[in-house]
Amino acid sequence: MSKLEDVEEFHKKMKFYPHCLSSEMEDGSLAGLVTEKRIKIIQEEFRELCDAIKSQDLPAILHESVDAIYVVLGALHELGVSQNNLDAAWEMVHAANMKKKIPLSPLDKAVKSDKWEKADVSKAMSIKFALKKVLICYSHKGIESNMIVSAESPISETRVNQILGSLESVHENEKIVILNLVELS
């Protein structure tokens, strides 16, 4: 099981489900409550990690590092980022980092070289995979809703479009706007 799947398991137990937040809202921001909750949790965990580093207590540093990673993965999960998206983005960021230059001092951070370019992880978010279980987040008349669709074999994009077409029929042919497809295990 991947680390993101571990967090997903925890979220299911706590009833923290992925929200329809991986698409941007009209004002270009992500929806408020979950975003604010995640910022608060991440800040708290990174404060605890900094305190552990200052104390030079290696077990505490390890514990707080894992906690910080856990809450960041939790934010990604709640925002609908899949393991496949994370893996692709990781490879892109790693490749960009490997183009940095060695710092002049071991106390400095790696230096961006002339050839360094920021990784374009938006490409990682556009990767489509054949999913067997998917949470379809959609909007109808400005109200967000979602439904879970599962199948024995991978759900094709054609099948998702058929499902969305049937939703439009139920809503008297009013436009259904798909916000996100979240891979579920």
C-alpha atoms as a PDB file:
ATOM      1  CA  MET A   1       0.000   0.000   0.000  1.00  0.00           C
ATOM      2  CA  SER A   2       1.357   3.456  -0.888  1.00  0.00           C
ATOM      3  CA  LYS A   3       1.660   6.255   1.650  1.00  0.00           C
ATOM      4  CA  LEU A   4      -1.208   8.128  -0.050  1.00  0.00           C
ATOM      5  CA  GLU A   5      -3.361   4.979   0.204  1.00  0.00           C
ATOM      6  CA  ASP A   6      -2.536   4.784   3.938  1.00  0.00           C
ATOM      7  CA  VAL A   7      -3.784   8.344   4.332  1.00  0.00           C
ATOM      8  CA  GLU A   8      -6.881   7.523   2.260  1.00  0.00           C
ATOM      9  CA  GLU A   9      -7.574   4.598   4.628  1.00  0.00           C
ATOM     10  CA  PHE A  10      -7.281   6.966   7.614  1.00  0.00           C
ATOM     11  CA  HIS A  11      -9.566   9.505   5.916  1.00  0.00           C
ATOM     12  CA  LYS A  12     -12.206   6.844   5.309  1.00  0.00           C
ATOM     13  CA  LYS A  13     -12.098   5.872   8.981  1.00  0.00           C
ATOM     14  CA  MET A  14     -12.384   9.540  10.027  1.00  0.00           C
ATOM     15  CA  LYS A  15     -15.050  10.188   7.356  1.00  0.00           C
ATOM     16  CA  PHE A  16     -12.847  12.788   5.589  1.00  0.00           C
ATOM     17  CA  TYR A  17     -13.811  12.280   1.964  1.00  0.00           C
ATOM     18  CA  PRO A  18     -12.195  13.831  -1.099  1.00  0.00           C
ATOM     19  CA  HIS A  19     -13.896  17.078  -1.947  1.00  0.00           C
ATOM     20  CA  CYS A  20     -14.568  18.534  -5.357  1.00  0.00           C
ATOM     21  CA  LEU A  21     -11.723  20.977  -4.873  1.00  0.00           C
ATOM     22  CA  SER A  22      -9.129  19.976  -7.426  1.00  0.00           C
ATOM     23  CA  SER A  23     -10.789  22.196  -9.990  1.00  0.00           C
ATOM     24  CA  GLU A  24     -10.596  25.912  -9.408  1.00  0.00           C
ATOM     25  CA  MET A  25     -13.595  27.918  -8.341  1.00  0.00           C
ATOM     26  CA  GLU A  26     -14.779  30.950 -10.292  1.00  0.00           C
ATOM     27  CA  ASP A  27     -12.479  33.303  -8.393  1.00  0.00           C
ATOM     28  CA  GLY A  28      -9.475  31.044  -9.104  1.00  0.00           C
ATOM     29  CA  SER A  29      -9.196  29.780  -5.519  1.00  0.00           C
ATOM     30  CA  LEU A  30      -9.955  26.443  -3.974  1.00  0.00           C
ATOM     31  CA  ALA A  31     -13.036  26.178  -1.767  1.00  0.00           C
ATOM     32  CA  GLY A  32     -12.590  27.687   1.671  1.00  0.00           C
ATOM     33  CA  LEU A  33     -13.309  25.421   4.628  1.00  0.00           C
ATOM     34  CA  VAL A  34     -11.159  22.439   3.697  1.00  0.00           C
ATOM     35  CA  THR A  35      -8.385  24.726   2.470  1.00  0.00           C
ATOM     36  CA  GLU A  36      -8.366  26.662   5.759  1.00  0.00           C
ATOM     37  CA  LYS A  37      -8.445  23.421   7.787  1.00  0.00           C
ATOM     38  CA  ARG A  38      -5.515  22.014   5.826  1.00  0.00           C
ATOM     39  CA  ILE A  39      -3.442  25.202   6.154  1.00  0.00           C
ATOM     40  CA  LYS A  40      -3.969  25.179   9.920  1.00  0.00           C
ATOM     41  CA  ILE A  41      -3.000  21.492  10.254  1.00  0.00           C
ATOM     42  CA  ILE A  42       0.062  21.821   7.998  1.00  0.00           C
ATOM     43  CA  GLN A  43       1.299  24.916   9.867  1.00  0.00           C
ATOM     44  CA  GLU A  44       0.868  23.128  13.204  1.00  0.00           C
ATOM     45  CA  GLU A  45       2.785  20.035  12.042  1.00  0.00           C
ATOM     46  CA  PHE A  46       5.635  22.064  10.544  1.00  0.00           C
ATOM     47  CA  ARG A  47       5.924  24.109  13.767  1.00  0.00           C
ATOM     48  CA  GLU A  48       6.220  20.830  15.678  1.00  0.00           C
ATOM     49  CA  LEU A  49       8.850  19.597  13.191  1.00  0.00           C
ATOM     50  CA  CYS A  50      10.880  22.815  13.601  1.00  0.00           C
ATOM     51  CA  ASP A  51      10.695  22.451  17.393  1.00  0.00           C
ATOM     52  CA  ALA A  52      11.921  18.853  17.138  1.00  0.00           C
ATOM     53  CA  ILE A  53      14.837  19.900  14.910  1.00  0.00           C
ATOM     54  CA  LYS A  54      15.797  22.647  17.388  1.00  0.00           C
ATOM     55  CA  SER A  55      15.726  20.060  20.199  1.00  0.00           C
ATOM     56  CA  GLN A  56      18.081  17.802  18.187  1.00  0.00           C
ATOM     57  CA  ASP A  57      16.011  14.787  19.285  1.00  0.00           C
ATOM     58  CA  LEU A  58      16.278  12.386  16.327  1.00  0.00           C
ATOM     59  CA  PRO A  59      13.252  10.191  17.211  1.00  0.00           C
ATOM     60  CA  ALA A  60      11.146  13.351  17.623  1.00  0.00           C
ATOM     61  CA  ILE A  61      12.461  14.725  14.313  1.00  0.00           C
ATOM     62  CA  LEU A  62      11.539  11.470  12.576  1.00  0.00           C
ATOM     63  CA  HIS A  63       8.078  11.399  14.169  1.00  0.00           C
ATOM     64  CA  GLU A  64       7.300  15.024  13.317  1.00  0.00           C
ATOM     65  CA  SER A  65       8.682  14.600   9.774  1.00  0.00           C
ATOM     66  CA  VAL A  66       6.327  11.679   9.172  1.00  0.00           C
ATOM     67  CA  ASP A  67       3.436  13.661  10.692  1.00  0.00           C
ATOM     68  CA  ALA A  68       4.199  16.595   8.358  1.00  0.00           C
ATOM     69  CA  ILE A  69       4.329  14.302   5.319  1.00  0.00           C
ATOM     70  CA  TYR A  70       1.102  12.617   6.463  1.00  0.00           C
ATOM     71  CA  VAL A  71      -0.863  15.879   6.671  1.00  0.00           C
ATOM     72  CA  VAL A  72       0.474  17.122   3.329  1.00  0.00           C
ATOM     73  CA  LEU A  73      -0.584  13.819   1.738  1.00  0.00           C
ATOM     74  CA  GLY A  74      -3.940  14.277   3.486  1.00  0.00           C
ATOM     75  CA  ALA A  75      -4.333  17.665   1.813  1.00  0.00           C
ATOM     76  CA  LEU A  76      -3.534  16.138  -1.572  1.00  0.00           C
ATOM     77  CA  HIS A  77      -6.065  13.357  -0.963  1.00  0.00           C
ATOM     78  CA  GLU A  78      -8.786  15.781   0.088  1.00  0.00           C
ATOM     79  CA  LEU A  79      -8.083  17.838  -3.012  1.00  0.00           C
ATOM     80  CA  GLY A  80      -8.525  14.790  -5.232  1.00  0.00           C
ATOM     81  CA  VAL A  81      -4.892  14.131  -6.200  1.00  0.00           C
ATOM     82  CA  SER A  82      -4.363  10.455  -7.076  1.00  0.00           C
ATOM     83  CA  GLN A  83      -1.276   8.328  -6.432  1.00  0.00           C
ATOM     84  CA  ASN A  84      -0.640   8.344 -10.183  1.00  0.00           C
ATOM     85  CA  ASN A  85      -0.749  12.171 -10.230  1.00  0.00           C
ATOM     86  CA  LEU A  86       1.589  12.308  -7.218  1.00  0.00           C
ATOM     87  CA  ASP A  87       4.068   9.833  -8.755  1.00  0.00           C
ATOM     88  CA  ALA A  88       4.188  11.781 -12.027  1.00  0.00           C
ATOM     89  CA  ALA A  89       4.610  15.127 -10.232  1.00  0.00           C
ATOM     90  CA  TRP A  90       7.330  13.646  -7.991  1.00  0.00           C
ATOM     91  CA  GLU A  91       9.321  12.508 -11.036  1.00  0.00           C
ATOM     92  CA  MET A  92       9.006  15.968 -12.610  1.00  0.00           C
ATOM     93  CA  VAL A  93      10.088  17.842  -9.469  1.00  0.00           C
ATOM     94  CA  HIS A  94      12.935  15.382  -8.843  1.00  0.00           C
ATOM     95  CA  ALA A  95      14.211  15.804 -12.412  1.00  0.00           C
ATOM     96  CA  ALA A  96      14.116  19.603 -11.996  1.00  0.00           C
ATOM     97  CA  ASN A  97      15.921  19.388  -8.637  1.00  0.00           C
ATOM     98  CA  MET A  98      18.649  17.212 -10.148  1.00  0.00           C
ATOM     99  CA  LYS A  99      19.475  20.114 -12.525  1.00  0.00           C
ATOM    100  CA  LYS A 100      20.422  22.354  -9.588  1.00  0.00           C
ATOM    101  CA  LYS A 101      24.073  23.134  -8.813  1.00  0.00           C
ATOM    102  CA  ILE A 102      25.996  22.063  -5.735  1.00  0.00           C
ATOM    103  CA  PRO A 103      25.999  24.862  -3.128  1.00  0.00           C
ATOM    104  CA  LEU A 104      29.246  26.614  -2.211  1.00  0.00           C
ATOM    105  CA  SER A 105      28.806  25.543   1.413  1.00  0.00           C
ATOM    106  CA  PRO A 106      27.102  22.454   2.874  1.00  0.00           C
ATOM    107  CA  LEU A 107      25.075  24.882   4.993  1.00  0.00           C
ATOM    108  CA  ASP A 108      23.509  26.470   1.884  1.00  0.00           C
ATOM    109  CA  LYS A 109      20.683  25.034  -0.177  1.00  0.00           C
ATOM    110  CA  ALA A 110      21.153  23.756  -3.727  1.00  0.00           C
ATOM    111  CA  VAL A 111      21.469  26.522  -6.306  1.00  0.00           C
ATOM    112  CA  LYS A 112      19.276  26.865  -9.389  1.00  0.00           C
ATOM    113  CA  SER A 113      21.509  26.577 -12.439  1.00  0.00           C
ATOM    114  CA  ASP A 114      21.076  28.425 -15.724  1.00  0.00           C
ATOM    115  CA  LYS A 115      19.458  25.257 -17.126  1.00  0.00           C
ATOM    116  CA  TRP A 116      17.053  24.843 -14.206  1.00  0.00           C
ATOM    117  CA  GLU A 117      13.348  25.162 -14.936  1.00  0.00           C
ATOM    118  CA  LYS A 118      10.485  24.808 -12.485  1.00  0.00           C
ATOM    119  CA  ALA A 119       8.660  21.515 -12.996  1.00  0.00           C
ATOM    120  CA  ASP A 120       5.308  21.938 -14.762  1.00  0.00           C
ATOM    121  CA  VAL A 121       3.268  19.604 -12.560  1.00  0.00           C
ATOM    122  CA  SER A 122       0.042  20.687 -14.265  1.00  0.00           C
ATOM    123  CA  LYS A 123       0.938  17.985 -16.782  1.00  0.00           C
ATOM    124  CA  ALA A 124       0.851  15.420 -13.958  1.00  0.00           C
ATOM    125  CA  MET A 125      -2.690  16.491 -13.055  1.00  0.00           C
ATOM    126  CA  SER A 126      -3.884  15.959 -16.628  1.00  0.00           C
ATOM    127  CA  ILE A 127      -2.809  12.309 -16.718  1.00  0.00           C
ATOM    128  CA  LYS A 128      -5.833  10.090 -17.288  1.00  0.00           C
ATOM    129  CA  PHE A 129      -5.910   6.530 -16.024  1.00  0.00           C
ATOM    130  CA  ALA A 130      -8.477   3.767 -16.463  1.00  0.00           C
ATOM    131  CA  LEU A 131     -10.257   3.758 -13.126  1.00  0.00           C
ATOM    132  CA  LYS A 132     -12.378   0.999 -11.590  1.00  0.00           C
ATOM    133  CA  LYS A 133     -13.937   3.215  -8.955  1.00  0.00           C
ATOM    134  CA  VAL A 134     -14.352   6.925  -9.341  1.00  0.00           C
ATOM    135  CA  LEU A 135     -15.921   9.790  -7.443  1.00  0.00           C
ATOM    136  CA  ILE A 136     -17.487  12.123  -9.985  1.00  0.00           C
ATOM    137  CA  CYS A 137     -17.707  15.646  -8.624  1.00  0.00           C
ATOM    138  CA  TYR A 138     -20.090  17.804 -10.609  1.00  0.00           C
ATOM    139  CA  SER A 139     -21.967  21.061 -10.477  1.00  0.00           C
ATOM    140  CA  HIS A 140     -25.625  21.652 -11.385  1.00  0.00           C
ATOM    141  CA  LYS A 141     -27.028  25.174 -11.191  1.00  0.00           C
ATOM    142  CA  GLY A 142     -23.953  26.185  -9.193  1.00  0.00           C
ATOM    143  CA  ILE A 143     -24.511  23.513  -6.518  1.00  0.00           C
ATOM    144  CA  GLU A 144     -21.729  20.955  -6.125  1.00  0.00           C
ATOM    145  CA  SER A 145     -22.600  17.318  -5.731  1.00  0.00           C
ATOM    146  CA  ASN A 146     -20.916  13.996  -6.286  1.00  0.00           C
ATOM    147  CA  MET A 147     -21.554  10.349  -6.982  1.00  0.00           C
ATOM    148  CA  ILE A 148     -19.440   7.210  -6.728  1.00  0.00           C
ATOM    149  CA  VAL A 149     -19.342   4.893  -9.730  1.00  0.00           C
ATOM    150  CA  SER A 150     -17.661   1.517  -9.570  1.00  0.00           C
ATOM    151  CA  ALA A 151     -17.276  -1.356 -12.011  1.00  0.00           C
ATOM    152  CA  GLU A 152     -15.540  -4.707 -12.304  1.00  0.00           C
ATOM    153  CA  SER A 153     -13.495  -3.468 -15.272  1.00  0.00           C
ATOM    154  CA  PRO A 154     -11.919  -0.045 -15.827  1.00  0.00           C
ATOM    155  CA  ILE A 155     -14.390   2.770 -16.365  1.00  0.00           C
ATOM    156  CA  SER A 156     -13.697   4.420 -19.697  1.00  0.00           C
ATOM    157  CA  GLU A 157     -14.003   8.120 -20.444  1.00  0.00           C
ATOM    158  CA  THR A 158     -16.896   7.145 -22.744  1.00  0.00           C
ATOM    159  CA  ARG A 159     -18.706   5.509 -19.803  1.00  0.00           C
ATOM    160  CA  VAL A 160     -18.154   8.571 -17.616  1.00  0.00           C
ATOM    161  CA  ASN A 161     -19.634  10.724 -20.407  1.00  0.00           C
ATOM    162  CA  GLN A 162     -22.646   8.361 -20.613  1.00  0.00           C
ATOM    163  CA  ILE A 163     -23.172   8.729 -16.860  1.00  0.00           C
ATOM    164  CA  LEU A 164     -22.943  12.504 -17.132  1.00  0.00           C
ATOM    165  CA  GLY A 165     -25.402  12.393 -20.055  1.00  0.00           C
ATOM    166  CA  SER A 166     -27.864  10.449 -17.917  1.00  0.00           C
ATOM    167  CA  LEU A 167     -27.437  13.027 -15.128  1.00  0.00           C
ATOM    168  CA  GLU A 168     -28.290  15.770 -17.617  1.00  0.00           C
ATOM    169  CA  SER A 169     -31.420  13.807 -18.621  1.00  0.00           C
ATOM    170  CA  VAL A 170     -32.515  13.511 -14.997  1.00  0.00           C
ATOM    171  CA  HIS A 171     -32.020  17.257 -14.638  1.00  0.00           C
ATOM    172  CA  GLU A 172     -34.108  17.974 -17.763  1.00  0.00           C
ATOM    173  CA  ASN A 173     -31.118  18.406 -20.086  1.00  0.00           C
ATOM    174  CA  GLU A 174     -29.630  21.188 -17.958  1.00  0.00           C
ATOM    175  CA  LYS A 175     -25.862  21.399 -18.211  1.00  0.00           C
ATOM    176  CA  ILE A 176     -23.883  19.293 -15.738  1.00  0.00           C
ATOM    177  CA  VAL A 177     -20.345  20.612 -15.283  1.00  0.00           C
ATOM    178  CA  ILE A 178     -17.818  17.984 -14.294  1.00  0.00           C
ATOM    179  CA  LEU A 179     -15.449  19.359 -11.679  1.00  0.00           C
ATOM    180  CA  ASN A 180     -13.247  16.374 -11.008  1.00  0.00           C
ATOM    181  CA  LEU A 181     -12.816  12.622 -11.239  1.00  0.00           C
ATOM    182  CA  VAL A 182     -11.222  11.218  -8.083  1.00  0.00           C
ATOM    183  CA  GLU A 183      -9.715   7.759  -8.165  1.00  0.00           C
ATOM    184  CA  LEU A 184     -10.910   5.629  -5.252  1.00  0.00           C
ATOM    185  CA  SER A 185      -9.490   2.301  -4.157  1.00  0.00           C
END
